[in-house]
């Protein structure tokens, strides 16, 4: 295992995290009290771990912790000293309020709104457009019924479907629903109440395997 704390050059994950910093998010952590009663895994360390989970397409806590442990000695570029233990990360995911990550998202959106590429559609059109997204995620166990055929070995994982209505201007969700993956998207449409004069555009995303 590399024992050096010096690393020449930054890997991609570090470059992505450089778009923000522990200092820039400190106000978010104070405002949401993200670090109250948490001694082992502070808000920034939790944020880095979950970002690694998303970008590394990790499916278990073991993959997150082992993946970060591989970069031991280089984690100082991410602003953390060591990879969190699985039990510590599990407790943080269970107990830390989710509004912390909502606040982080809003903070980054406000920070980079002016430099994000503009849509080709005029704003007055986007203001009348809502995006309807349907995404299926595989689960580790057969907790909810999944879509598609069972594997050749007869084993079957569960699946959960996320349906969401997104504002085309802010790309923030207006409505979110979670169901079993086998539930038809038409069931979600009955709950959508669009303002008069607006349109909905449906987009379907492939689930994670």
C-alpha atoms as a PDB file:
ATOM      1  CA  UNK A   1       0.000   0.000   0.000  1.00  0.00           C
ATOM      2  CA  UNK A   2       1.315   3.417  -0.919  1.00  0.00           C
ATOM      3  CA  UNK A   3       2.298   5.265   2.272  1.00  0.00           C
ATOM      4  CA  UNK A   4       3.083   8.568   0.563  1.00  0.00           C
ATOM      5  CA  UNK A   5       0.842  11.561   1.181  1.00  0.00           C
ATOM      6  CA  UNK A   6       2.180  13.353  -1.890  1.00  0.00           C
ATOM      7  CA  UNK A   7       0.642  12.768  -5.291  1.00  0.00           C
ATOM      8  CA  UNK A   8       1.810  14.475  -8.469  1.00  0.00           C
ATOM      9  CA  UNK A   9      -1.120  15.134 -10.766  1.00  0.00           C
ATOM     10  CA  UNK A  10      -4.791  14.794  -9.924  1.00  0.00           C
ATOM     11  CA  UNK A  11      -7.064  11.942 -10.950  1.00  0.00           C
ATOM     12  CA  UNK A  12     -10.468  12.687 -12.493  1.00  0.00           C
ATOM     13  CA  UNK A  13     -12.418  12.293  -9.258  1.00  0.00           C
ATOM     14  CA  UNK A  14     -10.215  14.890  -7.569  1.00  0.00           C
ATOM     15  CA  UNK A  15     -10.676  17.285 -10.489  1.00  0.00           C
ATOM     16  CA  UNK A  16     -14.469  16.980 -10.240  1.00  0.00           C
ATOM     17  CA  UNK A  17     -14.400  17.623  -6.489  1.00  0.00           C
ATOM     18  CA  UNK A  18     -12.208  20.676  -7.093  1.00  0.00           C
ATOM     19  CA  UNK A  19     -15.354  22.409  -8.395  1.00  0.00           C
ATOM     20  CA  UNK A  20     -16.239  22.839  -4.735  1.00  0.00           C
ATOM     21  CA  UNK A  21     -14.368  22.555  -1.427  1.00  0.00           C
ATOM     22  CA  UNK A  22     -14.801  21.855   2.258  1.00  0.00           C
ATOM     23  CA  UNK A  23     -14.515  25.588   2.929  1.00  0.00           C
ATOM     24  CA  UNK A  24     -17.150  26.588   0.352  1.00  0.00           C
ATOM     25  CA  UNK A  25     -19.619  24.074   1.807  1.00  0.00           C
ATOM     26  CA  UNK A  26     -18.902  24.935   5.442  1.00  0.00           C
ATOM     27  CA  UNK A  27     -21.849  27.353   5.555  1.00  0.00           C
ATOM     28  CA  UNK A  28     -24.123  24.615   4.196  1.00  0.00           C
ATOM     29  CA  UNK A  29     -22.961  22.213   6.899  1.00  0.00           C
ATOM     30  CA  UNK A  30     -23.510  24.841   9.590  1.00  0.00           C
ATOM     31  CA  UNK A  31     -26.942  25.799   8.298  1.00  0.00           C
ATOM     32  CA  UNK A  32     -28.161  22.195   8.127  1.00  0.00           C
ATOM     33  CA  UNK A  33     -26.347  21.169  11.343  1.00  0.00           C
ATOM     34  CA  UNK A  34     -24.819  18.311   9.338  1.00  0.00           C
ATOM     35  CA  UNK A  35     -21.909  17.892  11.743  1.00  0.00           C
ATOM     36  CA  UNK A  36     -23.874  17.959  14.984  1.00  0.00           C
ATOM     37  CA  UNK A  37     -23.425  14.712  16.928  1.00  0.00           C
ATOM     38  CA  UNK A  38     -21.172  13.258  14.217  1.00  0.00           C
ATOM     39  CA  UNK A  39     -17.595  12.814  15.390  1.00  0.00           C
ATOM     40  CA  UNK A  40     -16.250  10.172  13.009  1.00  0.00           C
ATOM     41  CA  UNK A  41     -17.770  11.144   9.646  1.00  0.00           C
ATOM     42  CA  UNK A  42     -18.218  14.864   9.047  1.00  0.00           C
ATOM     43  CA  UNK A  43     -20.375  16.333   6.299  1.00  0.00           C
ATOM     44  CA  UNK A  44     -17.527  16.793   3.798  1.00  0.00           C
ATOM     45  CA  UNK A  45     -16.248  13.226   4.237  1.00  0.00           C
ATOM     46  CA  UNK A  46     -19.798  11.924   3.787  1.00  0.00           C
ATOM     47  CA  UNK A  47     -20.264  14.052   0.665  1.00  0.00           C
ATOM     48  CA  UNK A  48     -16.988  12.772  -0.841  1.00  0.00           C
ATOM     49  CA  UNK A  49     -17.944   9.162  -0.092  1.00  0.00           C
ATOM     50  CA  UNK A  50     -21.340   9.476  -1.745  1.00  0.00           C
ATOM     51  CA  UNK A  51     -19.868  11.297  -4.747  1.00  0.00           C
ATOM     52  CA  UNK A  52     -17.452   8.390  -5.158  1.00  0.00           C
ATOM     53  CA  UNK A  53     -20.431   6.034  -4.924  1.00  0.00           C
ATOM     54  CA  UNK A  54     -22.213   7.817  -7.788  1.00  0.00           C
ATOM     55  CA  UNK A  55     -19.212   8.355 -10.073  1.00  0.00           C
ATOM     56  CA  UNK A  56     -17.802   4.885  -9.383  1.00  0.00           C
ATOM     57  CA  UNK A  57     -21.254   3.265  -9.875  1.00  0.00           C
ATOM     58  CA  UNK A  58     -20.813   1.487  -6.535  1.00  0.00           C
ATOM     59  CA  UNK A  59     -23.602  -0.857  -5.499  1.00  0.00           C
ATOM     60  CA  UNK A  60     -22.559  -1.647  -1.922  1.00  0.00           C
ATOM     61  CA  UNK A  61     -20.937   0.085   1.035  1.00  0.00           C
ATOM     62  CA  UNK A  62     -18.029  -2.362   0.679  1.00  0.00           C
ATOM     63  CA  UNK A  63     -17.322  -1.097  -2.842  1.00  0.00           C
ATOM     64  CA  UNK A  64     -17.271   2.499  -1.605  1.00  0.00           C
ATOM     65  CA  UNK A  65     -14.902   1.902   1.299  1.00  0.00           C
ATOM     66  CA  UNK A  66     -12.612  -0.497  -0.581  1.00  0.00           C
ATOM     67  CA  UNK A  67     -12.507   1.832  -3.583  1.00  0.00           C
ATOM     68  CA  UNK A  68     -11.432   4.765  -1.413  1.00  0.00           C
ATOM     69  CA  UNK A  69      -8.940   2.595   0.480  1.00  0.00           C
ATOM     70  CA  UNK A  70      -7.164   1.867  -2.801  1.00  0.00           C
ATOM     71  CA  UNK A  71      -6.242   5.552  -2.942  1.00  0.00           C
ATOM     72  CA  UNK A  72      -4.912   5.635   0.620  1.00  0.00           C
ATOM     73  CA  UNK A  73      -2.054   8.107   0.687  1.00  0.00           C
ATOM     74  CA  UNK A  74      -3.732  10.193  -2.016  1.00  0.00           C
ATOM     75  CA  UNK A  75      -6.938  11.008  -0.181  1.00  0.00           C
ATOM     76  CA  UNK A  76      -5.510  14.316   1.012  1.00  0.00           C
ATOM     77  CA  UNK A  77      -6.314  15.612  -2.495  1.00  0.00           C
ATOM     78  CA  UNK A  78      -9.957  14.943  -1.681  1.00  0.00           C
ATOM     79  CA  UNK A  79      -9.808  16.713   1.662  1.00  0.00           C
ATOM     80  CA  UNK A  80     -10.165  13.556   3.763  1.00  0.00           C
ATOM     81  CA  UNK A  81      -7.619  11.651   5.847  1.00  0.00           C
ATOM     82  CA  UNK A  82      -8.868   8.085   5.422  1.00  0.00           C
ATOM     83  CA  UNK A  83     -11.678   6.025   3.951  1.00  0.00           C
ATOM     84  CA  UNK A  84     -14.659   5.627   6.295  1.00  0.00           C
ATOM     85  CA  UNK A  85     -15.507   2.268   7.812  1.00  0.00           C
ATOM     86  CA  UNK A  86     -18.571   0.527   6.406  1.00  0.00           C
ATOM     87  CA  UNK A  87     -20.419   0.697   9.720  1.00  0.00           C
ATOM     88  CA  UNK A  88     -19.656   4.415  10.068  1.00  0.00           C
ATOM     89  CA  UNK A  89     -20.875   5.158   6.542  1.00  0.00           C
ATOM     90  CA  UNK A  90     -23.973   3.031   7.115  1.00  0.00           C
ATOM     91  CA  UNK A  91     -24.847   4.958  10.286  1.00  0.00           C
ATOM     92  CA  UNK A  92     -24.340   8.286   8.506  1.00  0.00           C
ATOM     93  CA  UNK A  93     -26.596   7.253   5.612  1.00  0.00           C
ATOM     94  CA  UNK A  94     -29.247   6.171   8.090  1.00  0.00           C
ATOM     95  CA  UNK A  95     -29.115   9.057  10.547  1.00  0.00           C
ATOM     96  CA  UNK A  96     -27.849  12.187   8.764  1.00  0.00           C
ATOM     97  CA  UNK A  97     -30.833  14.154   7.363  1.00  0.00           C
ATOM     98  CA  UNK A  98     -31.089  14.083   3.565  1.00  0.00           C
ATOM     99  CA  UNK A  99     -31.693  17.845   3.475  1.00  0.00           C
ATOM    100  CA  UNK A 100     -27.892  18.238   3.780  1.00  0.00           C
ATOM    101  CA  UNK A 101     -27.437  16.933   0.239  1.00  0.00           C
ATOM    102  CA  UNK A 102     -30.408  18.935  -0.998  1.00  0.00           C
ATOM    103  CA  UNK A 103     -28.732  22.080   0.358  1.00  0.00           C
ATOM    104  CA  UNK A 104     -25.423  21.107  -1.291  1.00  0.00           C
ATOM    105  CA  UNK A 105     -27.208  20.663  -4.633  1.00  0.00           C
ATOM    106  CA  UNK A 106     -28.903  24.051  -4.330  1.00  0.00           C
ATOM    107  CA  UNK A 107     -25.616  25.702  -3.327  1.00  0.00           C
ATOM    108  CA  UNK A 108     -23.750  24.289  -6.348  1.00  0.00           C
ATOM    109  CA  UNK A 109     -26.596  25.123  -8.693  1.00  0.00           C
ATOM    110  CA  UNK A 110     -26.614  28.741  -7.533  1.00  0.00           C
ATOM    111  CA  UNK A 111     -22.813  28.890  -7.845  1.00  0.00           C
ATOM    112  CA  UNK A 112     -22.625  27.556 -11.400  1.00  0.00           C
ATOM    113  CA  UNK A 113     -25.935  28.643 -12.937  1.00  0.00           C
ATOM    114  CA  UNK A 114     -24.309  31.464 -14.914  1.00  0.00           C
ATOM    115  CA  UNK A 115     -21.598  29.239 -16.430  1.00  0.00           C
ATOM    116  CA  UNK A 116     -23.797  26.267 -17.359  1.00  0.00           C
ATOM    117  CA  UNK A 117     -24.498  25.951 -21.062  1.00  0.00           C
ATOM    118  CA  UNK A 118     -27.806  27.447 -22.162  1.00  0.00           C
ATOM    119  CA  UNK A 119     -30.540  25.392 -23.786  1.00  0.00           C
ATOM    120  CA  UNK A 120     -31.285  25.940 -27.463  1.00  0.00           C
ATOM    121  CA  UNK A 121     -34.927  26.556 -26.573  1.00  0.00           C
ATOM    122  CA  UNK A 122     -36.020  30.084 -25.591  1.00  0.00           C
ATOM    123  CA  UNK A 123     -36.636  30.553 -21.898  1.00  0.00           C
ATOM    124  CA  UNK A 124     -40.312  31.395 -22.403  1.00  0.00           C
ATOM    125  CA  UNK A 125     -40.709  27.956 -24.010  1.00  0.00           C
ATOM    126  CA  UNK A 126     -38.793  26.174 -21.250  1.00  0.00           C
ATOM    127  CA  UNK A 127     -40.988  27.828 -18.643  1.00  0.00           C
ATOM    128  CA  UNK A 128     -43.923  25.920 -20.128  1.00  0.00           C
ATOM    129  CA  UNK A 129     -42.068  22.600 -20.403  1.00  0.00           C
ATOM    130  CA  UNK A 130     -41.811  19.828 -17.814  1.00  0.00           C
ATOM    131  CA  UNK A 131     -39.719  16.672 -18.203  1.00  0.00           C
ATOM    132  CA  UNK A 132     -41.104  13.336 -17.032  1.00  0.00           C
ATOM    133  CA  UNK A 133     -38.340  10.880 -16.186  1.00  0.00           C
ATOM    134  CA  UNK A 134     -38.587   7.133 -15.528  1.00  0.00           C
ATOM    135  CA  UNK A 135     -35.502   5.335 -14.168  1.00  0.00           C
ATOM    136  CA  UNK A 136     -35.227   1.759 -12.879  1.00  0.00           C
ATOM    137  CA  UNK A 137     -32.599   0.768 -10.293  1.00  0.00           C
ATOM    138  CA  UNK A 138     -31.659  -2.826  -9.494  1.00  0.00           C
ATOM    139  CA  UNK A 139     -31.745  -3.808  -5.823  1.00  0.00           C
ATOM    140  CA  UNK A 140     -29.479  -6.246  -4.017  1.00  0.00           C
ATOM    141  CA  UNK A 141     -32.330  -8.556  -3.013  1.00  0.00           C
ATOM    142  CA  UNK A 142     -35.798  -9.423  -4.284  1.00  0.00           C
ATOM    143  CA  UNK A 143     -37.429  -6.744  -2.143  1.00  0.00           C
ATOM    144  CA  UNK A 144     -39.639  -5.292  -4.882  1.00  0.00           C
ATOM    145  CA  UNK A 145     -40.607  -6.945  -8.144  1.00  0.00           C
ATOM    146  CA  UNK A 146     -38.260  -6.120 -11.010  1.00  0.00           C
ATOM    147  CA  UNK A 147     -39.004  -5.792 -14.698  1.00  0.00           C
ATOM    148  CA  UNK A 148     -37.667  -8.121 -17.374  1.00  0.00           C
ATOM    149  CA  UNK A 149     -36.825 -11.815 -17.312  1.00  0.00           C
ATOM    150  CA  UNK A 150     -35.135 -13.735 -14.539  1.00  0.00           C
ATOM    151  CA  UNK A 151     -31.470 -14.716 -15.020  1.00  0.00           C
ATOM    152  CA  UNK A 152     -30.522 -18.180 -16.318  1.00  0.00           C
ATOM    153  CA  UNK A 153     -29.550 -19.385 -12.838  1.00  0.00           C
ATOM    154  CA  UNK A 154     -33.065 -18.655 -11.602  1.00  0.00           C
ATOM    155  CA  UNK A 155     -31.976 -15.879  -9.266  1.00  0.00           C
ATOM    156  CA  UNK A 156     -33.906 -12.638  -9.338  1.00  0.00           C
ATOM    157  CA  UNK A 157     -33.023  -9.279  -7.829  1.00  0.00           C
ATOM    158  CA  UNK A 158     -35.548  -6.661  -6.920  1.00  0.00           C
ATOM    159  CA  UNK A 159     -36.078  -3.411  -8.746  1.00  0.00           C
ATOM    160  CA  UNK A 160     -37.340   0.027  -7.790  1.00  0.00           C
ATOM    161  CA  UNK A 161     -38.579   2.639 -10.247  1.00  0.00           C
ATOM    162  CA  UNK A 162     -38.238   6.369  -9.791  1.00  0.00           C
ATOM    163  CA  UNK A 163     -40.676   8.580 -11.656  1.00  0.00           C
ATOM    164  CA  UNK A 164     -40.097  12.303 -11.514  1.00  0.00           C
ATOM    165  CA  UNK A 165     -41.416  15.530 -13.012  1.00  0.00           C
ATOM    166  CA  UNK A 166     -38.582  18.001 -13.666  1.00  0.00           C
ATOM    167  CA  UNK A 167     -38.829  21.737 -14.252  1.00  0.00           C
ATOM    168  CA  UNK A 168     -37.167  22.336 -17.644  1.00  0.00           C
ATOM    169  CA  UNK A 169     -35.636  25.637 -16.503  1.00  0.00           C
ATOM    170  CA  UNK A 170     -34.074  24.610 -13.180  1.00  0.00           C
ATOM    171  CA  UNK A 171     -34.027  20.816 -13.820  1.00  0.00           C
ATOM    172  CA  UNK A 172     -35.166  20.445 -10.230  1.00  0.00           C
ATOM    173  CA  UNK A 173     -37.854  17.840  -9.422  1.00  0.00           C
ATOM    174  CA  UNK A 174     -41.407  19.048  -8.859  1.00  0.00           C
ATOM    175  CA  UNK A 175     -42.754  15.572  -8.032  1.00  0.00           C
ATOM    176  CA  UNK A 176     -41.047  12.249  -7.238  1.00  0.00           C
ATOM    177  CA  UNK A 177     -42.556   8.796  -6.830  1.00  0.00           C
ATOM    178  CA  UNK A 178     -40.950   5.422  -6.009  1.00  0.00           C
ATOM    179  CA  UNK A 179     -42.661   2.151  -6.945  1.00  0.00           C
ATOM    180  CA  UNK A 180     -41.801  -1.446  -7.823  1.00  0.00           C
ATOM    181  CA  UNK A 181     -40.056  -1.661 -11.199  1.00  0.00           C
ATOM    182  CA  UNK A 182     -42.965  -3.611 -12.688  1.00  0.00           C
ATOM    183  CA  UNK A 183     -45.437  -0.754 -12.186  1.00  0.00           C
ATOM    184  CA  UNK A 184     -46.357   0.850 -15.510  1.00  0.00           C
ATOM    185  CA  UNK A 185     -45.394   4.504 -16.017  1.00  0.00           C
ATOM    186  CA  UNK A 186     -49.032   5.286 -16.803  1.00  0.00           C
ATOM    187  CA  UNK A 187     -49.799   4.850 -13.101  1.00  0.00           C
ATOM    188  CA  UNK A 188     -47.574   7.846 -12.314  1.00  0.00           C
ATOM    189  CA  UNK A 189     -49.235  10.124 -14.865  1.00  0.00           C
ATOM    190  CA  UNK A 190     -52.466  10.283 -12.885  1.00  0.00           C
ATOM    191  CA  UNK A 191     -50.689  12.181 -10.086  1.00  0.00           C
ATOM    192  CA  UNK A 192     -49.263  14.889 -12.359  1.00  0.00           C
ATOM    193  CA  UNK A 193     -51.011  18.244 -12.228  1.00  0.00           C
ATOM    194  CA  UNK A 194     -49.385  20.507 -14.836  1.00  0.00           C
ATOM    195  CA  UNK A 195     -50.223  24.229 -14.981  1.00  0.00           C
ATOM    196  CA  UNK A 196     -52.508  25.292 -17.818  1.00  0.00           C
ATOM    197  CA  UNK A 197     -50.628  25.904 -21.070  1.00  0.00           C
ATOM    198  CA  UNK A 198     -47.661  23.648 -20.255  1.00  0.00           C
ATOM    199  CA  UNK A 199     -46.436  20.438 -21.869  1.00  0.00           C
ATOM    200  CA  UNK A 200     -44.775  17.286 -20.559  1.00  0.00           C
ATOM    201  CA  UNK A 201     -41.976  15.416 -22.330  1.00  0.00           C
ATOM    202  CA  UNK A 202     -41.270  11.816 -21.305  1.00  0.00           C
ATOM    203  CA  UNK A 203     -37.718  10.448 -21.042  1.00  0.00           C
ATOM    204  CA  UNK A 204     -36.761   6.942 -19.982  1.00  0.00           C
ATOM    205  CA  UNK A 205     -33.345   6.017 -18.554  1.00  0.00           C
ATOM    206  CA  UNK A 206     -31.757   2.590 -18.311  1.00  0.00           C
ATOM    207  CA  UNK A 207     -31.397   1.206 -14.805  1.00  0.00           C
ATOM    208  CA  UNK A 208     -28.161   0.371 -13.031  1.00  0.00           C
ATOM    209  CA  UNK A 209     -27.147  -3.236 -13.077  1.00  0.00           C
END
